[in-house]
Amino acid sequence: MLRTRLTMLAGVTVFAVAVPAMAQEDSAVTVPGDQPTRPVAELTHRAANPTGPFAVLTSAQRDSMIEHSRDLLGVKYKWAGLNPAKGLDCSGFVKYVFAKLGIDLPHHAATLAKMGDPIMRDTAAMLPGDLLVFGKGKRISHVGIYVGDGMMIQASSSAHHVVETPVVKYRPPGGLQWKGVRRIVALDTTEVATDPEPNPPAR
């Protein structure tokens, strides 16, 4: 009887030691596909982003973002759409444009409205690439991309396609209000502008 009890206790002890070891191994597991979404995952983990926007673009990259946005003008609106060939919804449009620059954003307007840094709702303070978010009460349900010169591009459910709209004149359907601006990316201020090649001396 005593031998049986000792055997059972030994088994319990081994199991108790084994459980933390397994848990430690699980925490070190790397899930395939983590790398592409790491910038967003880190931003979400920090919640309030204390170090500013998590992606820094050159002026050429920022210009290409505007081009990618304008290339989608006229693409039809489709709820939950992520493929321009089939249609895009508002957050699908944003996700698609940013993905062109290797930035993986969530397909959810309310989540986008909590990312990056808050910016004044003033076109003088806004920069191309900023996200404009709209909603009713505390609920965010629409998002667009600011492209400069007081204009934003959005996948509009009322227009049934991707459109370019003056920010100050935009009146969202359904009583939505302009709730804020989020800066997901920033312009690289350390970028050095190169002077054009000087003209060769006249001969």
N, C-alpha and C. Protein backbone atom coordinates (compact mmCIF):
# COMPACT_ATOMS: atom_id res chain seq x y z
N MET A 1 0.84 -1.21 0.00
CA MET A 1 0.00 0.00 0.00
C MET A 1 0.88 1.26 0.00
N LEU A 2 1.93 1.23 0.87
CA LEU A 2 2.84 2.36 0.96
C LEU A 2 3.55 2.56 -0.37
N ARG A 3 3.98 1.45 -1.02
CA ARG A 3 4.67 1.55 -2.30
C ARG A 3 3.75 2.17 -3.36
N THR A 4 2.45 1.79 -3.32
CA THR A 4 1.50 2.33 -4.29
C THR A 4 1.36 3.84 -4.12
N ARG A 5 1.28 4.31 -2.87
CA ARG A 5 1.15 5.75 -2.61
C ARG A 5 2.38 6.52 -3.09
N LEU A 6 3.58 5.95 -2.83
CA LEU A 6 4.80 6.61 -3.26
C LEU A 6 4.87 6.71 -4.78
N THR A 7 4.41 5.65 -5.45
CA THR A 7 4.41 5.67 -6.92
C THR A 7 3.48 6.76 -7.45
N MET A 8 2.28 6.89 -6.84
CA MET A 8 1.32 7.92 -7.27
C MET A 8 1.88 9.32 -7.02
N LEU A 9 2.52 9.54 -5.85
CA LEU A 9 3.09 10.84 -5.55
C LEU A 9 4.20 11.21 -6.52
N ALA A 10 5.01 10.23 -6.86
CA ALA A 10 6.08 10.47 -7.81
C ALA A 10 5.53 10.89 -9.15
N GLY A 11 4.43 10.26 -9.56
CA GLY A 11 3.80 10.60 -10.84
C GLY A 11 3.26 12.01 -10.83
N VAL A 12 2.65 12.44 -9.72
CA VAL A 12 2.12 13.79 -9.60
C VAL A 12 3.24 14.81 -9.66
N THR A 13 4.37 14.51 -8.99
CA THR A 13 5.51 15.42 -8.98
C THR A 13 6.07 15.63 -10.37
N VAL A 14 6.23 14.55 -11.10
CA VAL A 14 6.75 14.64 -12.47
C VAL A 14 5.82 15.47 -13.33
N PHE A 15 4.50 15.27 -13.20
CA PHE A 15 3.52 16.01 -14.00
C PHE A 15 3.58 17.50 -13.67
N ALA A 16 3.73 17.83 -12.36
CA ALA A 16 3.77 19.23 -11.95
C ALA A 16 4.99 19.93 -12.52
N VAL A 17 6.11 19.22 -12.61
CA VAL A 17 7.32 19.82 -13.17
C VAL A 17 7.20 19.95 -14.68
N ALA A 18 6.52 18.99 -15.30
CA ALA A 18 6.41 18.97 -16.75
C ALA A 18 5.52 20.07 -17.29
N VAL A 19 4.48 20.47 -16.55
CA VAL A 19 3.53 21.46 -17.04
C VAL A 19 4.19 22.81 -17.30
N PRO A 20 4.97 23.37 -16.34
CA PRO A 20 5.63 24.64 -16.64
C PRO A 20 6.58 24.54 -17.82
N ALA A 21 7.24 23.40 -17.95
CA ALA A 21 8.16 23.23 -19.06
C ALA A 21 7.43 23.32 -20.39
N MET A 22 6.25 22.66 -20.47
CA MET A 22 5.47 22.70 -21.71
C MET A 22 4.98 24.11 -21.98
N ALA A 23 4.54 24.81 -20.92
CA ALA A 23 4.03 26.17 -21.10
C ALA A 23 5.13 27.08 -21.62
N GLN A 24 6.37 26.85 -21.10
CA GLN A 24 7.48 27.68 -21.54
C GLN A 24 7.77 27.44 -23.01
N GLU A 25 7.69 26.17 -23.44
CA GLU A 25 7.93 25.85 -24.84
C GLU A 25 6.87 26.51 -25.72
N ASP A 26 5.59 26.48 -25.29
CA ASP A 26 4.50 27.07 -26.07
C ASP A 26 4.70 28.56 -26.27
N SER A 27 5.20 29.26 -25.24
CA SER A 27 5.36 30.71 -25.35
C SER A 27 6.44 31.09 -26.34
N ALA A 28 7.33 30.14 -26.62
CA ALA A 28 8.44 30.43 -27.53
C ALA A 28 8.13 30.04 -28.96
N VAL A 29 6.94 29.48 -29.19
CA VAL A 29 6.59 29.04 -30.53
C VAL A 29 6.40 30.24 -31.45
N THR A 30 6.97 30.20 -32.62
CA THR A 30 6.80 31.26 -33.62
C THR A 30 5.74 30.84 -34.61
N VAL A 31 4.68 31.60 -34.71
CA VAL A 31 3.60 31.27 -35.62
C VAL A 31 3.95 31.77 -37.01
N PRO A 32 3.86 30.91 -38.03
CA PRO A 32 4.17 31.37 -39.39
C PRO A 32 3.29 32.54 -39.79
N GLY A 33 3.88 33.52 -40.43
CA GLY A 33 3.10 34.66 -40.90
C GLY A 33 3.11 35.84 -39.94
N ASP A 34 3.83 35.72 -38.80
CA ASP A 34 3.89 36.83 -37.85
C ASP A 34 4.60 38.05 -38.44
N GLN A 35 5.65 37.80 -39.21
CA GLN A 35 6.51 38.89 -39.67
C GLN A 35 5.78 39.99 -40.44
N PRO A 36 4.90 39.65 -41.43
CA PRO A 36 4.26 40.72 -42.20
C PRO A 36 3.40 41.64 -41.34
N THR A 37 2.82 41.11 -40.25
CA THR A 37 1.91 41.92 -39.45
C THR A 37 2.57 42.47 -38.19
N ARG A 38 3.88 42.28 -38.06
CA ARG A 38 4.55 42.70 -36.83
C ARG A 38 4.39 44.18 -36.53
N PRO A 39 4.55 45.11 -37.50
CA PRO A 39 4.40 46.53 -37.15
C PRO A 39 3.05 46.84 -36.53
N VAL A 40 1.97 46.27 -37.08
CA VAL A 40 0.63 46.52 -36.55
C VAL A 40 0.46 45.85 -35.21
N ALA A 41 0.99 44.63 -35.07
CA ALA A 41 0.87 43.92 -33.80
C ALA A 41 1.57 44.69 -32.68
N GLU A 42 2.74 45.23 -32.99
CA GLU A 42 3.47 46.00 -31.98
C GLU A 42 2.73 47.27 -31.62
N LEU A 43 2.14 47.92 -32.60
CA LEU A 43 1.39 49.14 -32.35
C LEU A 43 0.18 48.85 -31.47
N THR A 44 -0.53 47.77 -31.78
CA THR A 44 -1.71 47.39 -31.00
C THR A 44 -1.30 47.06 -29.57
N HIS A 45 -0.15 46.39 -29.43
CA HIS A 45 0.33 46.00 -28.11
C HIS A 45 0.63 47.24 -27.26
N ARG A 46 1.17 48.30 -27.89
CA ARG A 46 1.51 49.51 -27.15
C ARG A 46 0.27 50.35 -26.83
N ALA A 47 -0.84 50.06 -27.53
CA ALA A 47 -2.09 50.80 -27.35
C ALA A 47 -1.88 52.26 -27.76
N ALA A 48 -1.62 53.16 -26.81
CA ALA A 48 -1.35 54.55 -27.19
C ALA A 48 0.07 54.61 -27.71
N ASN A 49 0.26 54.93 -28.91
CA ASN A 49 1.57 54.84 -29.56
C ASN A 49 2.50 55.97 -29.10
N PRO A 50 3.37 55.74 -28.10
CA PRO A 50 4.15 56.83 -27.52
C PRO A 50 5.26 57.35 -28.43
N THR A 51 5.67 56.55 -29.39
CA THR A 51 6.79 56.97 -30.23
C THR A 51 6.33 57.47 -31.59
N GLY A 52 5.05 57.70 -31.76
CA GLY A 52 4.56 58.25 -33.02
C GLY A 52 4.22 57.18 -34.03
N PRO A 53 3.99 57.57 -35.26
CA PRO A 53 3.59 56.63 -36.30
C PRO A 53 4.60 55.50 -36.43
N PHE A 54 4.10 54.30 -36.73
CA PHE A 54 4.97 53.14 -36.72
C PHE A 54 5.64 52.86 -38.06
N ALA A 55 5.31 53.64 -39.10
CA ALA A 55 5.96 53.46 -40.39
C ALA A 55 6.37 54.84 -40.91
N VAL A 56 7.59 54.93 -41.41
CA VAL A 56 8.10 56.19 -41.94
C VAL A 56 8.33 56.03 -43.43
N LEU A 57 7.76 56.94 -44.21
CA LEU A 57 7.84 56.85 -45.66
C LEU A 57 8.73 57.95 -46.23
N THR A 58 9.36 57.65 -47.33
CA THR A 58 10.04 58.69 -48.08
C THR A 58 8.99 59.47 -48.86
N SER A 59 9.36 60.62 -49.39
CA SER A 59 8.39 61.41 -50.17
C SER A 59 7.95 60.63 -51.41
N ALA A 60 8.87 59.82 -51.99
CA ALA A 60 8.51 59.02 -53.17
C ALA A 60 7.48 57.96 -52.80
N GLN A 61 7.63 57.34 -51.62
CA GLN A 61 6.65 56.33 -51.17
C GLN A 61 5.30 56.98 -50.90
N ARG A 62 5.33 58.17 -50.29
CA ARG A 62 4.07 58.87 -50.02
C ARG A 62 3.36 59.22 -51.33
N ASP A 63 4.13 59.68 -52.32
CA ASP A 63 3.54 59.99 -53.61
C ASP A 63 2.95 58.75 -54.26
N SER A 64 3.64 57.61 -54.09
CA SER A 64 3.12 56.37 -54.68
C SER A 64 1.83 55.94 -53.99
N MET A 65 1.71 56.25 -52.69
CA MET A 65 0.46 55.94 -51.98
C MET A 65 -0.70 56.72 -52.59
N ILE A 66 -0.45 57.99 -52.90
CA ILE A 66 -1.49 58.81 -53.52
C ILE A 66 -1.85 58.25 -54.90
N GLU A 67 -0.83 57.84 -55.64
CA GLU A 67 -1.07 57.26 -56.97
C GLU A 67 -1.89 55.97 -56.86
N HIS A 68 -1.53 55.11 -55.90
CA HIS A 68 -2.28 53.87 -55.70
C HIS A 68 -3.73 54.17 -55.35
N SER A 69 -3.94 55.21 -54.54
CA SER A 69 -5.31 55.58 -54.16
C SER A 69 -6.09 56.04 -55.39
N ARG A 70 -5.47 56.89 -56.20
CA ARG A 70 -6.17 57.43 -57.37
C ARG A 70 -6.36 56.37 -58.46
N ASP A 71 -5.49 55.38 -58.50
CA ASP A 71 -5.65 54.29 -59.46
C ASP A 71 -6.94 53.51 -59.21
N LEU A 72 -7.46 53.61 -57.98
CA LEU A 72 -8.66 52.86 -57.61
C LEU A 72 -9.95 53.66 -57.80
N LEU A 73 -9.84 54.91 -58.22
CA LEU A 73 -11.05 55.70 -58.45
C LEU A 73 -11.95 54.99 -59.46
N GLY A 74 -13.22 54.90 -59.11
CA GLY A 74 -14.17 54.24 -60.00
C GLY A 74 -14.39 52.78 -59.69
N VAL A 75 -13.51 52.16 -58.86
CA VAL A 75 -13.71 50.76 -58.48
C VAL A 75 -15.02 50.67 -57.69
N LYS A 76 -15.81 49.68 -57.98
CA LYS A 76 -17.13 49.61 -57.34
C LYS A 76 -17.04 49.31 -55.85
N TYR A 77 -18.04 49.79 -55.13
CA TYR A 77 -18.13 49.53 -53.70
C TYR A 77 -18.74 48.15 -53.47
N LYS A 78 -18.12 47.42 -52.57
CA LYS A 78 -18.67 46.12 -52.18
C LYS A 78 -18.41 45.92 -50.70
N TRP A 79 -19.46 45.70 -49.94
CA TRP A 79 -19.32 45.51 -48.50
C TRP A 79 -18.39 44.33 -48.23
N ALA A 80 -17.42 44.53 -47.35
CA ALA A 80 -16.41 43.54 -46.96
C ALA A 80 -15.44 43.22 -48.10
N GLY A 81 -15.46 44.03 -49.16
CA GLY A 81 -14.61 43.77 -50.31
C GLY A 81 -13.15 44.10 -50.07
N LEU A 82 -12.27 43.24 -50.55
CA LEU A 82 -10.83 43.43 -50.41
C LEU A 82 -10.10 43.37 -51.74
N ASN A 83 -10.83 43.02 -52.80
CA ASN A 83 -10.22 42.83 -54.11
C ASN A 83 -10.78 43.85 -55.09
N PRO A 84 -9.94 44.74 -55.63
CA PRO A 84 -10.45 45.76 -56.56
C PRO A 84 -11.19 45.17 -57.75
N ALA A 85 -10.82 43.97 -58.15
CA ALA A 85 -11.49 43.33 -59.30
C ALA A 85 -12.93 43.00 -58.98
N LYS A 86 -13.23 42.80 -57.70
CA LYS A 86 -14.59 42.43 -57.29
C LYS A 86 -15.30 43.56 -56.53
N GLY A 87 -14.50 44.49 -55.98
CA GLY A 87 -15.08 45.61 -55.22
C GLY A 87 -14.40 45.78 -53.88
N LEU A 88 -14.47 47.00 -53.35
CA LEU A 88 -13.84 47.33 -52.07
C LEU A 88 -14.83 48.06 -51.18
N ASP A 89 -14.75 47.80 -49.88
CA ASP A 89 -15.47 48.67 -48.95
C ASP A 89 -14.46 49.68 -48.40
N CYS A 90 -14.88 50.55 -47.48
CA CYS A 90 -14.01 51.66 -47.07
C CYS A 90 -12.71 51.18 -46.43
N SER A 91 -12.79 50.25 -45.48
CA SER A 91 -11.57 49.78 -44.83
C SER A 91 -10.79 48.83 -45.73
N GLY A 92 -11.49 48.15 -46.63
CA GLY A 92 -10.81 47.30 -47.60
C GLY A 92 -9.97 48.14 -48.56
N PHE A 93 -10.49 49.31 -48.93
CA PHE A 93 -9.75 50.25 -49.77
C PHE A 93 -8.47 50.70 -49.07
N VAL A 94 -8.59 51.10 -47.80
CA VAL A 94 -7.44 51.55 -47.02
C VAL A 94 -6.42 50.42 -46.89
N LYS A 95 -6.89 49.24 -46.55
CA LYS A 95 -6.00 48.09 -46.38
C LYS A 95 -5.25 47.79 -47.67
N TYR A 96 -5.94 47.85 -48.79
CA TYR A 96 -5.32 47.53 -50.08
C TYR A 96 -4.23 48.55 -50.43
N VAL A 97 -4.51 49.84 -50.23
CA VAL A 97 -3.53 50.89 -50.57
C VAL A 97 -2.28 50.76 -49.70
N PHE A 98 -2.46 50.57 -48.39
CA PHE A 98 -1.31 50.48 -47.50
C PHE A 98 -0.52 49.20 -47.73
N ALA A 99 -1.20 48.14 -48.12
CA ALA A 99 -0.51 46.88 -48.41
C ALA A 99 0.47 47.04 -49.56
N LYS A 100 0.19 47.97 -50.47
CA LYS A 100 1.09 48.23 -51.59
C LYS A 100 2.46 48.72 -51.10
N LEU A 101 2.48 49.28 -49.88
CA LEU A 101 3.73 49.77 -49.29
C LEU A 101 4.26 48.80 -48.24
N GLY A 102 3.67 47.59 -48.18
CA GLY A 102 4.12 46.59 -47.23
C GLY A 102 3.60 46.79 -45.83
N ILE A 103 2.55 47.59 -45.67
CA ILE A 103 1.98 47.85 -44.34
C ILE A 103 0.65 47.12 -44.24
N ASP A 104 0.57 46.18 -43.32
CA ASP A 104 -0.62 45.34 -43.18
C ASP A 104 -1.55 45.93 -42.12
N LEU A 105 -2.65 46.51 -42.55
CA LEU A 105 -3.62 47.12 -41.63
C LEU A 105 -4.84 46.23 -41.47
N PRO A 106 -5.56 46.36 -40.36
CA PRO A 106 -6.77 45.57 -40.17
C PRO A 106 -7.90 46.03 -41.10
N HIS A 107 -8.78 45.12 -41.42
CA HIS A 107 -9.92 45.41 -42.29
C HIS A 107 -11.12 45.77 -41.40
N HIS A 108 -10.98 46.90 -40.67
CA HIS A 108 -12.01 47.27 -39.70
C HIS A 108 -11.85 48.76 -39.37
N ALA A 109 -12.84 49.56 -39.74
CA ALA A 109 -12.75 51.01 -39.56
C ALA A 109 -12.57 51.40 -38.09
N ALA A 110 -13.30 50.74 -37.18
CA ALA A 110 -13.23 51.10 -35.77
C ALA A 110 -11.84 50.82 -35.19
N THR A 111 -11.18 49.78 -35.66
CA THR A 111 -9.82 49.48 -35.19
C THR A 111 -8.83 50.48 -35.75
N LEU A 112 -9.00 50.84 -37.02
CA LEU A 112 -8.12 51.84 -37.64
C LEU A 112 -8.22 53.18 -36.90
N ALA A 113 -9.39 53.48 -36.37
CA ALA A 113 -9.61 54.76 -35.69
C ALA A 113 -8.87 54.86 -34.36
N LYS A 114 -8.28 53.75 -33.89
CA LYS A 114 -7.53 53.76 -32.63
C LYS A 114 -6.03 53.65 -32.87
N MET A 115 -5.62 53.53 -34.11
CA MET A 115 -4.21 53.31 -34.41
C MET A 115 -3.48 54.61 -34.71
N GLY A 116 -2.16 54.57 -34.62
CA GLY A 116 -1.36 55.75 -34.95
C GLY A 116 -1.55 56.88 -33.96
N ASP A 117 -1.35 58.09 -34.44
CA ASP A 117 -1.46 59.29 -33.60
C ASP A 117 -2.66 60.12 -34.00
N PRO A 118 -3.35 60.73 -33.03
CA PRO A 118 -4.45 61.64 -33.36
C PRO A 118 -3.91 62.95 -33.92
N ILE A 119 -4.57 63.46 -34.96
CA ILE A 119 -4.19 64.72 -35.59
C ILE A 119 -5.40 65.65 -35.58
N MET A 120 -5.14 66.95 -35.53
CA MET A 120 -6.25 67.92 -35.54
C MET A 120 -7.09 67.76 -36.80
N ARG A 121 -8.38 67.95 -36.65
CA ARG A 121 -9.29 67.91 -37.81
C ARG A 121 -9.18 69.23 -38.56
N ASP A 122 -8.05 69.43 -39.17
CA ASP A 122 -7.75 70.67 -39.87
C ASP A 122 -6.84 70.32 -41.04
N THR A 123 -7.27 70.66 -42.25
CA THR A 123 -6.48 70.32 -43.42
C THR A 123 -5.09 70.96 -43.40
N ALA A 124 -4.93 72.03 -42.63
CA ALA A 124 -3.61 72.66 -42.51
C ALA A 124 -2.65 71.79 -41.71
N ALA A 125 -3.20 70.94 -40.83
CA ALA A 125 -2.35 70.07 -40.00
C ALA A 125 -2.23 68.66 -40.59
N MET A 126 -3.09 68.33 -41.53
CA MET A 126 -3.12 66.97 -42.07
C MET A 126 -2.10 66.79 -43.19
N LEU A 127 -1.65 65.55 -43.36
CA LEU A 127 -0.70 65.20 -44.39
C LEU A 127 -1.24 64.05 -45.24
N PRO A 128 -0.82 63.96 -46.50
CA PRO A 128 -1.23 62.82 -47.32
C PRO A 128 -0.89 61.50 -46.64
N GLY A 129 -1.84 60.59 -46.66
CA GLY A 129 -1.66 59.31 -45.98
C GLY A 129 -2.38 59.23 -44.66
N ASP A 130 -2.80 60.39 -44.10
CA ASP A 130 -3.59 60.37 -42.86
C ASP A 130 -4.95 59.73 -43.13
N LEU A 131 -5.48 59.07 -42.11
CA LEU A 131 -6.80 58.45 -42.22
C LEU A 131 -7.85 59.35 -41.59
N LEU A 132 -8.96 59.53 -42.29
CA LEU A 132 -10.10 60.28 -41.75
C LEU A 132 -11.16 59.26 -41.36
N VAL A 133 -11.64 59.36 -40.12
CA VAL A 133 -12.61 58.39 -39.63
C VAL A 133 -13.94 59.09 -39.31
N PHE A 134 -15.02 58.38 -39.58
CA PHE A 134 -16.36 58.92 -39.44
C PHE A 134 -17.23 57.93 -38.67
N GLY A 135 -18.19 58.47 -37.96
CA GLY A 135 -19.08 57.59 -37.21
C GLY A 135 -20.25 58.33 -36.63
N LYS A 136 -20.98 57.62 -35.80
CA LYS A 136 -22.17 58.17 -35.14
C LYS A 136 -22.10 57.78 -33.68
N GLY A 137 -22.17 58.78 -32.79
CA GLY A 137 -21.97 58.47 -31.38
C GLY A 137 -20.54 58.01 -31.15
N LYS A 138 -20.38 56.86 -30.50
CA LYS A 138 -19.04 56.32 -30.27
C LYS A 138 -18.65 55.28 -31.31
N ARG A 139 -19.53 55.02 -32.24
CA ARG A 139 -19.28 53.95 -33.21
C ARG A 139 -18.66 54.51 -34.49
N ILE A 140 -17.49 54.00 -34.84
CA ILE A 140 -16.82 54.38 -36.08
C ILE A 140 -17.19 53.37 -37.17
N SER A 141 -17.63 53.89 -38.31
CA SER A 141 -18.08 52.96 -39.35
C SER A 141 -17.58 53.32 -40.75
N HIS A 142 -16.77 54.39 -40.86
CA HIS A 142 -16.28 54.76 -42.19
C HIS A 142 -14.89 55.36 -42.09
N VAL A 143 -14.07 55.14 -43.13
CA VAL A 143 -12.70 55.64 -43.13
C VAL A 143 -12.28 55.97 -44.56
N GLY A 144 -11.46 57.00 -44.71
CA GLY A 144 -10.93 57.38 -46.01
C GLY A 144 -9.48 57.81 -45.87
N ILE A 145 -8.80 58.05 -46.99
CA ILE A 145 -7.39 58.44 -46.98
C ILE A 145 -7.27 59.89 -47.48
N TYR A 146 -6.58 60.72 -46.69
CA TYR A 146 -6.32 62.09 -47.11
C TYR A 146 -5.20 62.08 -48.14
N VAL A 147 -5.38 62.80 -49.25
CA VAL A 147 -4.38 62.81 -50.32
C VAL A 147 -3.81 64.20 -50.57
N GLY A 148 -4.10 65.14 -49.69
CA GLY A 148 -3.57 66.49 -49.82
C GLY A 148 -4.51 67.44 -50.53
N ASP A 149 -4.21 68.74 -50.45
CA ASP A 149 -5.00 69.78 -51.11
C ASP A 149 -6.47 69.74 -50.70
N GLY A 150 -6.72 69.34 -49.45
CA GLY A 150 -8.10 69.33 -48.94
C GLY A 150 -8.95 68.20 -49.47
N MET A 151 -8.34 67.18 -50.08
CA MET A 151 -9.10 66.10 -50.71
C MET A 151 -8.84 64.76 -50.02
N MET A 152 -9.86 63.92 -50.01
CA MET A 152 -9.69 62.55 -49.53
C MET A 152 -10.28 61.59 -50.55
N ILE A 153 -9.79 60.36 -50.52
CA ILE A 153 -10.31 59.30 -51.38
C ILE A 153 -10.92 58.23 -50.49
N GLN A 154 -12.06 57.74 -50.89
CA GLN A 154 -12.81 56.79 -50.06
C GLN A 154 -13.63 55.86 -50.94
N ALA A 155 -13.90 54.68 -50.42
CA ALA A 155 -14.86 53.79 -51.06
C ALA A 155 -16.23 54.14 -50.48
N SER A 156 -17.07 54.74 -51.32
CA SER A 156 -18.34 55.30 -50.85
C SER A 156 -19.50 54.36 -51.13
N SER A 157 -20.23 54.02 -50.08
CA SER A 157 -21.40 53.15 -50.25
C SER A 157 -22.54 53.89 -50.93
N SER A 158 -22.61 55.22 -50.73
CA SER A 158 -23.70 55.99 -51.35
C SER A 158 -23.43 56.25 -52.83
N ALA A 159 -22.14 56.45 -53.19
CA ALA A 159 -21.79 56.67 -54.59
C ALA A 159 -21.59 55.35 -55.33
N HIS A 160 -21.46 54.26 -54.55
CA HIS A 160 -21.31 52.90 -55.09
C HIS A 160 -19.96 52.66 -55.75
N HIS A 161 -18.97 53.53 -55.48
CA HIS A 161 -17.63 53.29 -56.02
C HIS A 161 -16.62 54.16 -55.26
N VAL A 162 -15.35 54.01 -55.58
CA VAL A 162 -14.30 54.80 -54.95
C VAL A 162 -14.30 56.20 -55.57
N VAL A 163 -14.32 57.21 -54.69
CA VAL A 163 -14.43 58.60 -55.16
C VAL A 163 -13.41 59.48 -54.45
N GLU A 164 -13.13 60.64 -55.06
CA GLU A 164 -12.29 61.67 -54.43
C GLU A 164 -13.21 62.82 -54.03
N THR A 165 -13.10 63.23 -52.77
CA THR A 165 -14.07 64.17 -52.20
C THR A 165 -13.37 65.29 -51.44
N PRO A 166 -13.85 66.55 -51.57
CA PRO A 166 -13.32 67.63 -50.71
C PRO A 166 -13.69 67.36 -49.25
N VAL A 167 -12.72 67.40 -48.38
CA VAL A 167 -12.96 67.03 -46.98
C VAL A 167 -14.00 67.94 -46.34
N VAL A 168 -13.84 69.26 -46.48
CA VAL A 168 -14.71 70.19 -45.76
C VAL A 168 -16.14 70.18 -46.31
N LYS A 169 -16.33 69.71 -47.52
CA LYS A 169 -17.67 69.69 -48.10
C LYS A 169 -18.35 68.32 -47.98
N TYR A 170 -17.62 67.34 -47.48
CA TYR A 170 -18.16 65.99 -47.43
C TYR A 170 -19.22 65.87 -46.34
N ARG A 171 -20.38 65.40 -46.73
CA ARG A 171 -21.47 65.15 -45.79
C ARG A 171 -21.82 63.67 -45.86
N PRO A 172 -21.29 62.88 -44.92
CA PRO A 172 -21.52 61.43 -44.98
C PRO A 172 -23.00 61.09 -44.85
N PRO A 173 -23.44 60.05 -45.54
CA PRO A 173 -24.84 59.64 -45.42
C PRO A 173 -25.11 59.01 -44.06
N GLY A 174 -26.37 58.95 -43.70
CA GLY A 174 -26.76 58.28 -42.46
C GLY A 174 -26.46 59.05 -41.20
N GLY A 175 -26.19 60.35 -41.34
CA GLY A 175 -25.93 61.15 -40.14
C GLY A 175 -24.56 60.94 -39.53
N LEU A 176 -23.62 60.35 -40.29
CA LEU A 176 -22.27 60.15 -39.76
C LEU A 176 -21.56 61.50 -39.61
N GLN A 177 -20.67 61.56 -38.65
CA GLN A 177 -19.91 62.78 -38.39
C GLN A 177 -18.41 62.50 -38.51
N TRP A 178 -17.66 63.54 -38.85
CA TRP A 178 -16.20 63.42 -38.93
C TRP A 178 -15.68 63.36 -37.50
N LYS A 179 -15.17 62.20 -37.12
CA LYS A 179 -14.77 61.97 -35.74
C LYS A 179 -13.30 62.24 -35.46
N GLY A 180 -12.45 62.11 -36.48
CA GLY A 180 -11.04 62.35 -36.20
C GLY A 180 -10.14 62.01 -37.36
N VAL A 181 -8.85 62.25 -37.11
CA VAL A 181 -7.79 61.96 -38.10
C VAL A 181 -6.72 61.16 -37.39
N ARG A 182 -6.23 60.10 -38.03
CA ARG A 182 -5.18 59.27 -37.45
C ARG A 182 -3.99 59.23 -38.40
N ARG A 183 -2.82 59.44 -37.85
CA ARG A 183 -1.59 59.39 -38.65
C ARG A 183 -0.93 58.03 -38.45
N ILE A 184 -1.10 57.17 -39.45
CA ILE A 184 -0.53 55.83 -39.41
C ILE A 184 0.92 55.85 -39.89
N VAL A 185 1.21 56.72 -40.83
CA VAL A 185 2.58 56.82 -41.37
C VAL A 185 3.04 58.27 -41.29
N ALA A 186 4.34 58.45 -41.25
CA ALA A 186 4.92 59.79 -41.21
C ALA A 186 5.93 59.93 -42.33
N LEU A 187 6.18 61.16 -42.72
CA LEU A 187 7.17 61.42 -43.76
C LEU A 187 8.56 61.45 -43.13
N ASP A 188 9.52 60.85 -43.80
CA ASP A 188 10.88 60.79 -43.31
C ASP A 188 11.52 62.19 -43.39
N THR A 189 11.66 62.83 -42.23
CA THR A 189 12.20 64.19 -42.20
C THR A 189 13.72 64.20 -42.31
N THR A 190 14.33 63.02 -42.23
CA THR A 190 15.80 62.96 -42.35
C THR A 190 16.23 62.74 -43.80
N GLU A 191 15.23 62.59 -44.68
CA GLU A 191 15.54 62.35 -46.09
C GLU A 191 16.27 63.56 -46.67
N VAL A 192 17.37 63.32 -47.34
CA VAL A 192 18.17 64.40 -47.91
C VAL A 192 17.79 64.56 -49.38
N ALA A 193 17.39 65.77 -49.74
CA ALA A 193 17.04 66.04 -51.14
C ALA A 193 18.33 66.18 -51.94
N THR A 194 18.38 65.49 -53.06
CA THR A 194 19.58 65.56 -53.90
C THR A 194 19.40 66.65 -54.93
N ASP A 195 20.44 67.47 -55.11
CA ASP A 195 20.40 68.53 -56.11
C ASP A 195 20.49 67.94 -57.50
N PRO A 196 19.79 68.52 -58.44
CA PRO A 196 19.91 68.02 -59.80
C PRO A 196 21.34 68.18 -60.31
N GLU A 197 21.72 67.32 -61.22
CA GLU A 197 23.08 67.36 -61.74
C GLU A 197 23.33 68.71 -62.41
N PRO A 198 24.40 69.38 -62.03
CA PRO A 198 24.67 70.70 -62.61
C PRO A 198 24.90 70.61 -64.11
N ASN A 199 24.56 71.69 -64.78
CA ASN A 199 24.76 71.70 -66.24
C ASN A 199 26.26 71.63 -66.55
N PRO A 200 26.61 70.87 -67.56
CA PRO A 200 28.04 70.80 -67.92
C PRO A 200 28.49 72.15 -68.43
N PRO A 201 29.75 72.47 -68.19
CA PRO A 201 30.25 73.79 -68.65
C PRO A 201 30.17 73.91 -70.15
N ALA A 202 29.86 75.13 -70.61
CA ALA A 202 29.77 75.37 -72.06
C ALA A 202 31.14 75.34 -72.67
N ARG A 203 31.21 74.82 -73.87
CA ARG A 203 32.50 74.74 -74.57
C ARG A 203 32.51 75.65 -75.76
